[in-house]
Amino acid sequence: MTTEHPPNTIWFLEGFSKEDDFLRTQHPISAEQIITLREVIVPDEDDPWMIYGYNVPLSVWPTVDAILHCGPPDPTLDYQTCAYADE
């Protein structure tokens, strides 16, 4: 695995509703948190820095919260890790 993360990458945890497109929440994720989070949410082999979006099941939420300090989940939302390049 490359030890340096992709430059200008912004990661976040996104909560979203499948019924209401306007109901969304985001929580930032640092590069250091991604390193720990990928032990819980295992990325694809070709995606060590979790650039692709990954589902975050509520069953692992206590561990995710311990890493991200994001608080309790909203049970009406689905959650994914997300990333984009900030220019």
PDB file of N, CA and C in Angstrom:
ATOM      1  N   MET A   1       0.825  -1.172   0.000  1.00  0.00           N
ATOM      2  CA  MET A   1       0.000   0.000   0.000  1.00  0.00           C
ATOM      3  C   MET A   1       0.875   1.244   0.000  1.00  0.00           C
ATOM      4  N   THR A   2       0.446   2.225  -0.742  1.00  0.00           N
ATOM      5  CA  THR A   2       1.135   3.503  -0.756  1.00  0.00           C
ATOM      6  C   THR A   2       0.934   4.184   0.595  1.00  0.00           C
ATOM      7  N   THR A   3       1.999   4.705   1.161  1.00  0.00           N
ATOM      8  CA  THR A   3       1.881   5.331   2.473  1.00  0.00           C
ATOM      9  C   THR A   3       1.367   6.764   2.394  1.00  0.00           C
ATOM     10  N   GLU A   4       1.530   7.410   1.256  1.00  0.00           N
ATOM     11  CA  GLU A   4       1.017   8.764   1.102  1.00  0.00           C
ATOM     12  C   GLU A   4      -0.368   8.720   0.484  1.00  0.00           C
ATOM     13  N   HIS A   5      -1.276   9.451   1.097  1.00  0.00           N
ATOM     14  CA  HIS A   5      -2.632   9.474   0.551  1.00  0.00           C
ATOM     15  C   HIS A   5      -2.678  10.348  -0.694  1.00  0.00           C
ATOM     16  N   PRO A   6      -3.688  10.130  -1.532  1.00  0.00           N
ATOM     17  CA  PRO A   6      -3.814  10.940  -2.746  1.00  0.00           C
ATOM     18  C   PRO A   6      -3.924  12.423  -2.372  1.00  0.00           C
ATOM     19  N   PRO A   7      -3.211  13.288  -3.086  1.00  0.00           N
ATOM     20  CA  PRO A   7      -3.240  14.713  -2.747  1.00  0.00           C
ATOM     21  C   PRO A   7      -4.631  15.313  -2.938  1.00  0.00           C
ATOM     22  N   ASN A   8      -4.927  16.304  -2.108  1.00  0.00           N
ATOM     23  CA  ASN A   8      -6.181  17.057  -2.208  1.00  0.00           C
ATOM     24  C   ASN A   8      -7.432  16.205  -2.056  1.00  0.00           C
ATOM     25  N   THR A   9      -7.324  15.099  -1.350  1.00  0.00           N
ATOM     26  CA  THR A   9      -8.479  14.221  -1.170  1.00  0.00           C
ATOM     27  C   THR A   9      -9.247  14.616   0.086  1.00  0.00           C
ATOM     28  N   ILE A  10     -10.549  14.705  -0.067  1.00  0.00           N
ATOM     29  CA  ILE A  10     -11.452  15.000   1.039  1.00  0.00           C
ATOM     30  C   ILE A  10     -12.332  13.767   1.241  1.00  0.00           C
ATOM     31  N   TRP A  11     -12.296  13.220   2.458  1.00  0.00           N
ATOM     32  CA  TRP A  11     -13.143  12.075   2.788  1.00  0.00           C
ATOM     33  C   TRP A  11     -14.235  12.523   3.741  1.00  0.00           C
ATOM     34  N   PHE A  12     -15.373  11.838   3.671  1.00  0.00           N
ATOM     35  CA  PHE A  12     -16.438  12.122   4.624  1.00  0.00           C
ATOM     36  C   PHE A  12     -17.375  10.923   4.725  1.00  0.00           C
ATOM     37  N   LEU A  13     -18.069  10.873   5.825  1.00  0.00           N
ATOM     38  CA  LEU A  13     -19.121   9.897   6.050  1.00  0.00           C
ATOM     39  C   LEU A  13     -20.418  10.593   5.677  1.00  0.00           C
ATOM     40  N   GLU A  14     -21.167  10.005   4.774  1.00  0.00           N
ATOM     41  CA  GLU A  14     -22.420  10.619   4.340  1.00  0.00           C
ATOM     42  C   GLU A  14     -23.588   9.757   4.761  1.00  0.00           C
ATOM     43  N   GLY A  15     -24.563  10.396   5.384  1.00  0.00           N
ATOM     44  CA  GLY A  15     -25.830   9.754   5.686  1.00  0.00           C
ATOM     45  C   GLY A  15     -26.859  10.291   4.712  1.00  0.00           C
ATOM     46  N   PHE A  16     -27.680   9.423   4.178  1.00  0.00           N
ATOM     47  CA  PHE A  16     -28.649   9.864   3.174  1.00  0.00           C
ATOM     48  C   PHE A  16     -29.921   9.031   3.275  1.00  0.00           C
ATOM     49  N   SER A  17     -31.002   9.642   2.844  1.00  0.00           N
ATOM     50  CA  SER A  17     -32.300   8.975   2.830  1.00  0.00           C
ATOM     51  C   SER A  17     -32.618   8.550   1.409  1.00  0.00           C
ATOM     52  N   LYS A  18     -33.098   7.327   1.257  1.00  0.00           N
ATOM     53  CA  LYS A  18     -33.511   6.852  -0.068  1.00  0.00           C
ATOM     54  C   LYS A  18     -34.874   7.418  -0.457  1.00  0.00           C
ATOM     55  N   GLU A  19     -35.628   7.919   0.532  1.00  0.00           N
ATOM     56  CA  GLU A  19     -36.954   8.465   0.261  1.00  0.00           C
ATOM     57  C   GLU A  19     -36.948   9.979   0.050  1.00  0.00           C
ATOM     58  N   ASP A  20     -35.965  10.679   0.597  1.00  0.00           N
ATOM     59  CA  ASP A  20     -35.938  12.133   0.544  1.00  0.00           C
ATOM     60  C   ASP A  20     -34.542  12.590   0.129  1.00  0.00           C
ATOM     61  N   ASP A  21     -34.399  13.031  -1.109  1.00  0.00           N
ATOM     62  CA  ASP A  21     -33.088  13.435  -1.635  1.00  0.00           C
ATOM     63  C   ASP A  21     -32.459  14.591  -0.860  1.00  0.00           C
ATOM     64  N   PHE A  22     -33.274  15.375  -0.162  1.00  0.00           N
ATOM     65  CA  PHE A  22     -32.757  16.537   0.555  1.00  0.00           C
ATOM     66  C   PHE A  22     -32.283  16.200   1.966  1.00  0.00           C
ATOM     67  N   LEU A  23     -32.593  15.000   2.429  1.00  0.00           N
ATOM     68  CA  LEU A  23     -32.196  14.607   3.779  1.00  0.00           C
ATOM     69  C   LEU A  23     -30.821  13.940   3.717  1.00  0.00           C
ATOM     70  N   ARG A  24     -29.801  14.728   4.048  1.00  0.00           N
ATOM     71  CA  ARG A  24     -28.416  14.256   4.009  1.00  0.00           C
ATOM     72  C   ARG A  24     -27.643  14.835   5.180  1.00  0.00           C
ATOM     73  N   THR A  25     -26.613  14.112   5.573  1.00  0.00           N
ATOM     74  CA  THR A  25     -25.715  14.591   6.609  1.00  0.00           C
ATOM     75  C   THR A  25     -24.302  14.175   6.231  1.00  0.00           C
ATOM     76  N   GLN A  26     -23.312  14.967   6.622  1.00  0.00           N
ATOM     77  CA  GLN A  26     -21.922  14.636   6.337  1.00  0.00           C
ATOM     78  C   GLN A  26     -21.073  14.841   7.587  1.00  0.00           C
ATOM     79  N   HIS A  27     -20.066  13.992   7.717  1.00  0.00           N
ATOM     80  CA  HIS A  27     -19.110  14.103   8.808  1.00  0.00           C
ATOM     81  C   HIS A  27     -17.714  13.928   8.194  1.00  0.00           C
ATOM     82  N   PRO A  28     -16.789  14.865   8.416  1.00  0.00           N
ATOM     83  CA  PRO A  28     -15.455  14.759   7.793  1.00  0.00           C
ATOM     84  C   PRO A  28     -14.662  13.577   8.342  1.00  0.00           C
ATOM     85  N   ILE A  29     -13.803  13.042   7.488  1.00  0.00           N
ATOM     86  CA  ILE A  29     -12.898  11.948   7.856  1.00  0.00           C
ATOM     87  C   ILE A  29     -11.487  12.365   7.457  1.00  0.00           C
ATOM     88  N   SER A  30     -10.545  12.278   8.383  1.00  0.00           N
ATOM     89  CA  SER A  30      -9.150  12.623   8.083  1.00  0.00           C
ATOM     90  C   SER A  30      -8.429  11.420   7.462  1.00  0.00           C
ATOM     91  N   ALA A  31      -7.274  11.678   6.885  1.00  0.00           N
ATOM     92  CA  ALA A  31      -6.462  10.593   6.314  1.00  0.00           C
ATOM     93  C   ALA A  31      -6.071   9.600   7.405  1.00  0.00           C
ATOM     94  N   GLU A  32      -5.764  10.089   8.585  1.00  0.00           N
ATOM     95  CA  GLU A  32      -5.405   9.199   9.695  1.00  0.00           C
ATOM     96  C   GLU A  32      -6.590   8.318  10.101  1.00  0.00           C
ATOM     97  N   GLN A  33      -7.789   8.892  10.085  1.00  0.00           N
ATOM     98  CA  GLN A  33      -8.987   8.105  10.409  1.00  0.00           C
ATOM     99  C   GLN A  33      -9.273   7.063   9.331  1.00  0.00           C
ATOM    100  N   ILE A  34      -9.001   7.393   8.079  1.00  0.00           N
ATOM    101  CA  ILE A  34      -9.198   6.423   6.979  1.00  0.00           C
ATOM    102  C   ILE A  34      -8.324   5.203   7.210  1.00  0.00           C
ATOM    103  N   ILE A  35      -7.103   5.416   7.654  1.00  0.00           N
ATOM    104  CA  ILE A  35      -6.187   4.299   7.900  1.00  0.00           C
ATOM    105  C   ILE A  35      -6.799   3.328   8.910  1.00  0.00           C
ATOM    106  N   THR A  36      -7.404   3.843   9.963  1.00  0.00           N
ATOM    107  CA  THR A  36      -8.036   2.994  10.980  1.00  0.00           C
ATOM    108  C   THR A  36      -9.373   2.461  10.497  1.00  0.00           C
ATOM    109  N   LEU A  37     -10.146   3.292   9.827  1.00  0.00           N
ATOM    110  CA  LEU A  37     -11.480   2.891   9.372  1.00  0.00           C
ATOM    111  C   LEU A  37     -11.441   1.727   8.388  1.00  0.00           C
ATOM    112  N   ARG A  38     -10.399   1.659   7.581  1.00  0.00           N
ATOM    113  CA  ARG A  38     -10.335   0.585   6.590  1.00  0.00           C
ATOM    114  C   ARG A  38     -10.096  -0.790   7.215  1.00  0.00           C
ATOM    115  N   GLU A  39      -9.804  -0.821   8.524  1.00  0.00           N
ATOM    116  CA  GLU A  39      -9.749  -2.099   9.231  1.00  0.00           C
ATOM    117  C   GLU A  39     -11.150  -2.595   9.567  1.00  0.00           C
ATOM    118  N   VAL A  40     -12.126  -1.682   9.572  1.00  0.00           N
ATOM    119  CA  VAL A  40     -13.524  -2.017   9.886  1.00  0.00           C
ATOM    120  C   VAL A  40     -14.354  -2.138   8.609  1.00  0.00           C
ATOM    121  N   ILE A  41     -14.199  -1.168   7.732  1.00  0.00           N
ATOM    122  CA  ILE A  41     -14.857  -1.165   6.425  1.00  0.00           C
ATOM    123  C   ILE A  41     -13.763  -1.500   5.419  1.00  0.00           C
ATOM    124  N   VAL A  42     -13.688  -2.740   5.019  1.00  0.00           N
ATOM    125  CA  VAL A  42     -12.571  -3.214   4.191  1.00  0.00           C
ATOM    126  C   VAL A  42     -12.765  -2.751   2.747  1.00  0.00           C
ATOM    127  N   PRO A  43     -11.821  -1.937   2.247  1.00  0.00           N
ATOM    128  CA  PRO A  43     -11.936  -1.463   0.869  1.00  0.00           C
ATOM    129  C   PRO A  43     -11.511  -2.529  -0.143  1.00  0.00           C
ATOM    130  N   ASP A  44     -11.848  -2.276  -1.400  1.00  0.00           N
ATOM    131  CA  ASP A  44     -11.387  -3.148  -2.466  1.00  0.00           C
ATOM    132  C   ASP A  44      -9.863  -3.156  -2.485  1.00  0.00           C
ATOM    133  N   GLU A  45      -9.297  -4.240  -2.953  1.00  0.00           N
ATOM    134  CA  GLU A  45      -7.842  -4.395  -2.958  1.00  0.00           C
ATOM    135  C   GLU A  45      -7.139  -3.280  -3.729  1.00  0.00           C
ATOM    136  N   ASP A  46      -7.771  -2.795  -4.802  1.00  0.00           N
ATOM    137  CA  ASP A  46      -7.145  -1.749  -5.618  1.00  0.00           C
ATOM    138  C   ASP A  46      -7.495  -0.334  -5.135  1.00  0.00           C
ATOM    139  N   ASP A  47      -8.083  -0.228  -3.938  1.00  0.00           N
ATOM    140  CA  ASP A  47      -8.527   1.063  -3.419  1.00  0.00           C
ATOM    141  C   ASP A  47      -8.124   1.249  -1.950  1.00  0.00           C
ATOM    142  N   PRO A  48      -6.821   1.220  -1.645  1.00  0.00           N
ATOM    143  CA  PRO A  48      -6.392   1.277  -0.246  1.00  0.00           C
ATOM    144  C   PRO A  48      -6.761   2.580   0.460  1.00  0.00           C
ATOM    145  N   TRP A  49      -6.984   3.653  -0.280  1.00  0.00           N
ATOM    146  CA  TRP A  49      -7.325   4.931   0.345  1.00  0.00           C
ATOM    147  C   TRP A  49      -8.818   5.223   0.314  1.00  0.00           C
ATOM    148  N   MET A  50      -9.619   4.204   0.040  1.00  0.00           N
ATOM    149  CA  MET A  50     -11.086   4.296   0.101  1.00  0.00           C
ATOM    150  C   MET A  50     -11.635   5.475  -0.715  1.00  0.00           C
ATOM    151  N   ILE A  51     -11.188   5.574  -1.951  1.00  0.00           N
ATOM    152  CA  ILE A  51     -11.679   6.613  -2.844  1.00  0.00           C
ATOM    153  C   ILE A  51     -13.087   6.262  -3.319  1.00  0.00           C
ATOM    154  N   TYR A  52     -13.352   4.972  -3.519  1.00  0.00           N
ATOM    155  CA  TYR A  52     -14.693   4.524  -3.882  1.00  0.00           C
ATOM    156  C   TYR A  52     -15.601   4.655  -2.660  1.00  0.00           C
ATOM    157  N   GLY A  53     -16.885   4.685  -2.870  1.00  0.00           N
ATOM    158  CA  GLY A  53     -17.832   4.729  -1.760  1.00  0.00           C
ATOM    159  C   GLY A  53     -18.066   3.334  -1.191  1.00  0.00           C
ATOM    160  N   TYR A  54     -18.134   3.236   0.133  1.00  0.00           N
ATOM    161  CA  TYR A  54     -18.375   1.958   0.800  1.00  0.00           C
ATOM    162  C   TYR A  54     -19.516   2.103   1.798  1.00  0.00           C
ATOM    163  N   ASN A  55     -20.414   1.126   1.788  1.00  0.00           N
ATOM    164  CA  ASN A  55     -21.516   1.121   2.740  1.00  0.00           C
ATOM    165  C   ASN A  55     -20.981   0.954   4.155  1.00  0.00           C
ATOM    166  N   VAL A  56     -21.619   1.636   5.083  1.00  0.00           N
ATOM    167  CA  VAL A  56     -21.264   1.532   6.502  1.00  0.00           C
ATOM    168  C   VAL A  56     -22.482   0.945   7.217  1.00  0.00           C
ATOM    169  N   PRO A  57     -22.462  -0.349   7.491  1.00  0.00           N
ATOM    170  CA  PRO A  57     -23.610  -0.970   8.158  1.00  0.00           C
ATOM    171  C   PRO A  57     -23.724  -0.520   9.614  1.00  0.00           C
ATOM    172  N   LEU A  58     -24.934  -0.400  10.089  1.00  0.00           N
ATOM    173  CA  LEU A  58     -25.153   0.017  11.471  1.00  0.00           C
ATOM    174  C   LEU A  58     -24.570  -0.980  12.464  1.00  0.00           C
ATOM    175  N   SER A  59     -24.365  -2.214  12.035  1.00  0.00           N
ATOM    176  CA  SER A  59     -23.815  -3.242  12.930  1.00  0.00           C
ATOM    177  C   SER A  59     -22.382  -2.918  13.374  1.00  0.00           C
ATOM    178  N   VAL A  60     -21.658  -2.111  12.606  1.00  0.00           N
ATOM    179  CA  VAL A  60     -20.285  -1.732  12.980  1.00  0.00           C
ATOM    180  C   VAL A  60     -20.210  -0.304  13.512  1.00  0.00           C
ATOM    181  N   TRP A  61     -21.368   0.324  13.720  1.00  0.00           N
ATOM    182  CA  TRP A  61     -21.393   1.730  14.114  1.00  0.00           C
ATOM    183  C   TRP A  61     -20.619   2.037  15.395  1.00  0.00           C
ATOM    184  N   PRO A  62     -20.713   1.211  16.437  1.00  0.00           N
ATOM    185  CA  PRO A  62     -19.942   1.545  17.642  1.00  0.00           C
ATOM    186  C   PRO A  62     -18.437   1.711  17.358  1.00  0.00           C
ATOM    187  N   THR A  63     -17.898   0.880  16.498  1.00  0.00           N
ATOM    188  CA  THR A  63     -16.482   0.982  16.138  1.00  0.00           C
ATOM    189  C   THR A  63     -16.241   2.214  15.265  1.00  0.00           C
ATOM    190  N   VAL A  64     -17.141   2.462  14.321  1.00  0.00           N
ATOM    191  CA  VAL A  64     -17.024   3.647  13.464  1.00  0.00           C
ATOM    192  C   VAL A  64     -17.075   4.914  14.320  1.00  0.00           C
ATOM    193  N   ASP A  65     -17.993   4.955  15.277  1.00  0.00           N
ATOM    194  CA  ASP A  65     -18.102   6.116  16.156  1.00  0.00           C
ATOM    195  C   ASP A  65     -16.841   6.289  17.002  1.00  0.00           C
ATOM    196  N   ALA A  66     -16.249   5.207  17.449  1.00  0.00           N
ATOM    197  CA  ALA A  66     -15.011   5.287  18.231  1.00  0.00           C
ATOM    198  C   ALA A  66     -13.873   5.887  17.395  1.00  0.00           C
ATOM    199  N   ILE A  67     -13.884   5.642  16.106  1.00  0.00           N
ATOM    200  CA  ILE A  67     -12.845   6.173  15.209  1.00  0.00           C
ATOM    201  C   ILE A  67     -13.143   7.611  14.812  1.00  0.00           C
ATOM    202  N   LEU A  68     -14.392   7.870  14.405  1.00  0.00           N
ATOM    203  CA  LEU A  68     -14.747   9.171  13.828  1.00  0.00           C
ATOM    204  C   LEU A  68     -15.348  10.161  14.822  1.00  0.00           C
ATOM    205  N   HIS A  69     -15.798   9.670  15.977  1.00  0.00           N
ATOM    206  CA  HIS A  69     -16.471  10.536  16.956  1.00  0.00           C
ATOM    207  C   HIS A  69     -17.637  11.276  16.301  1.00  0.00           C
ATOM    208  N   CYS A  70     -18.473  10.501  15.614  1.00  0.00           N
ATOM    209  CA  CYS A  70     -19.569  11.075  14.829  1.00  0.00           C
ATOM    210  C   CYS A  70     -20.916  10.995  15.532  1.00  0.00           C
ATOM    211  N   GLY A  71     -20.968  10.379  16.702  1.00  0.00           N
ATOM    212  CA  GLY A  71     -22.227  10.285  17.422  1.00  0.00           C
ATOM    213  C   GLY A  71     -23.096   9.152  16.908  1.00  0.00           C
ATOM    214  N   PRO A  72     -24.283   9.032  17.465  1.00  0.00           N
ATOM    215  CA  PRO A  72     -25.170   7.924  17.084  1.00  0.00           C
ATOM    216  C   PRO A  72     -25.720   8.119  15.666  1.00  0.00           C
ATOM    217  N   PRO A  73     -25.995   7.021  14.973  1.00  0.00           N
ATOM    218  CA  PRO A  73     -26.556   7.131  13.631  1.00  0.00           C
ATOM    219  C   PRO A  73     -28.044   7.461  13.686  1.00  0.00           C
ATOM    220  N   ASP A  74     -28.528   8.031  12.623  1.00  0.00           N
ATOM    221  CA  ASP A  74     -29.968   8.214  12.447  1.00  0.00           C
ATOM    222  C   ASP A  74     -30.476   6.925  11.811  1.00  0.00           C
ATOM    223  N   PRO A  75     -31.337   6.171  12.477  1.00  0.00           N
ATOM    224  CA  PRO A  75     -31.768   4.881  11.927  1.00  0.00           C
ATOM    225  C   PRO A  75     -32.580   4.995  10.641  1.00  0.00           C
ATOM    226  N   THR A  76     -32.996   6.207  10.275  1.00  0.00           N
ATOM    227  CA  THR A  76     -33.746   6.371   9.024  1.00  0.00           C
ATOM    228  C   THR A  76     -32.824   6.622   7.831  1.00  0.00           C
ATOM    229  N   LEU A  77     -31.520   6.723   8.101  1.00  0.00           N
ATOM    230  CA  LEU A  77     -30.569   7.007   7.019  1.00  0.00           C
ATOM    231  C   LEU A  77     -29.695   5.798   6.717  1.00  0.00           C
ATOM    232  N   ASP A  78     -29.174   5.761   5.500  1.00  0.00           N
ATOM    233  CA  ASP A  78     -28.126   4.822   5.105  1.00  0.00           C
ATOM    234  C   ASP A  78     -26.827   5.617   5.098  1.00  0.00           C
ATOM    235  N   TYR A  79     -25.707   4.921   5.323  1.00  0.00           N
ATOM    236  CA  TYR A  79     -24.417   5.607   5.426  1.00  0.00           C
ATOM    237  C   TYR A  79     -23.399   4.998   4.481  1.00  0.00           C
ATOM    238  N   GLN A  80     -22.540   5.868   3.939  1.00  0.00           N
ATOM    239  CA  GLN A  80     -21.426   5.458   3.070  1.00  0.00           C
ATOM    240  C   GLN A  80     -20.225   6.347   3.329  1.00  0.00           C
ATOM    241  N   THR A  81     -19.047   5.781   3.104  1.00  0.00           N
ATOM    242  CA  THR A  81     -17.864   6.623   3.034  1.00  0.00           C
ATOM    243  C   THR A  81     -17.832   7.212   1.639  1.00  0.00           C
ATOM    244  N   CYS A  82     -17.360   8.432   1.529  1.00  0.00           N
ATOM    245  CA  CYS A  82     -17.275   9.109   0.235  1.00  0.00           C
ATOM    246  C   CYS A  82     -15.956   9.870   0.169  1.00  0.00           C
ATOM    247  N   ALA A  83     -15.518  10.159  -1.031  1.00  0.00           N
ATOM    248  CA  ALA A  83     -14.295  10.937  -1.219  1.00  0.00           C
ATOM    249  C   ALA A  83     -14.383  11.706  -2.520  1.00  0.00           C
ATOM    250  N   TYR A  84     -13.675  12.825  -2.540  1.00  0.00           N
ATOM    251  CA  TYR A  84     -13.537  13.575  -3.777  1.00  0.00           C
ATOM    252  C   TYR A  84     -12.229  14.359  -3.742  1.00  0.00           C
ATOM    253  N   ALA A  85     -11.777  14.793  -4.906  1.00  0.00           N
ATOM    254  CA  ALA A  85     -10.556  15.588  -4.996  1.00  0.00           C
ATOM    255  C   ALA A  85     -10.932  17.053  -4.908  1.00  0.00           C
ATOM    256  N   ASP A  86     -10.277  17.751  -3.993  1.00  0.00           N
ATOM    257  CA  ASP A  86     -10.512  19.177  -3.832  1.00  0.00           C
ATOM    258  C   ASP A  86      -9.445  19.914  -4.622  1.00  0.00           C
ATOM    259  N   GLU A  87      -9.856  20.634  -5.596  1.00  0.00           N
ATOM    260  CA  GLU A  87      -8.909  21.322  -6.482  1.00  0.00           C
ATOM    261  C   GLU A  87      -8.408  22.586  -5.891  1.00  0.00           C
TER     262      GLU A  87
END
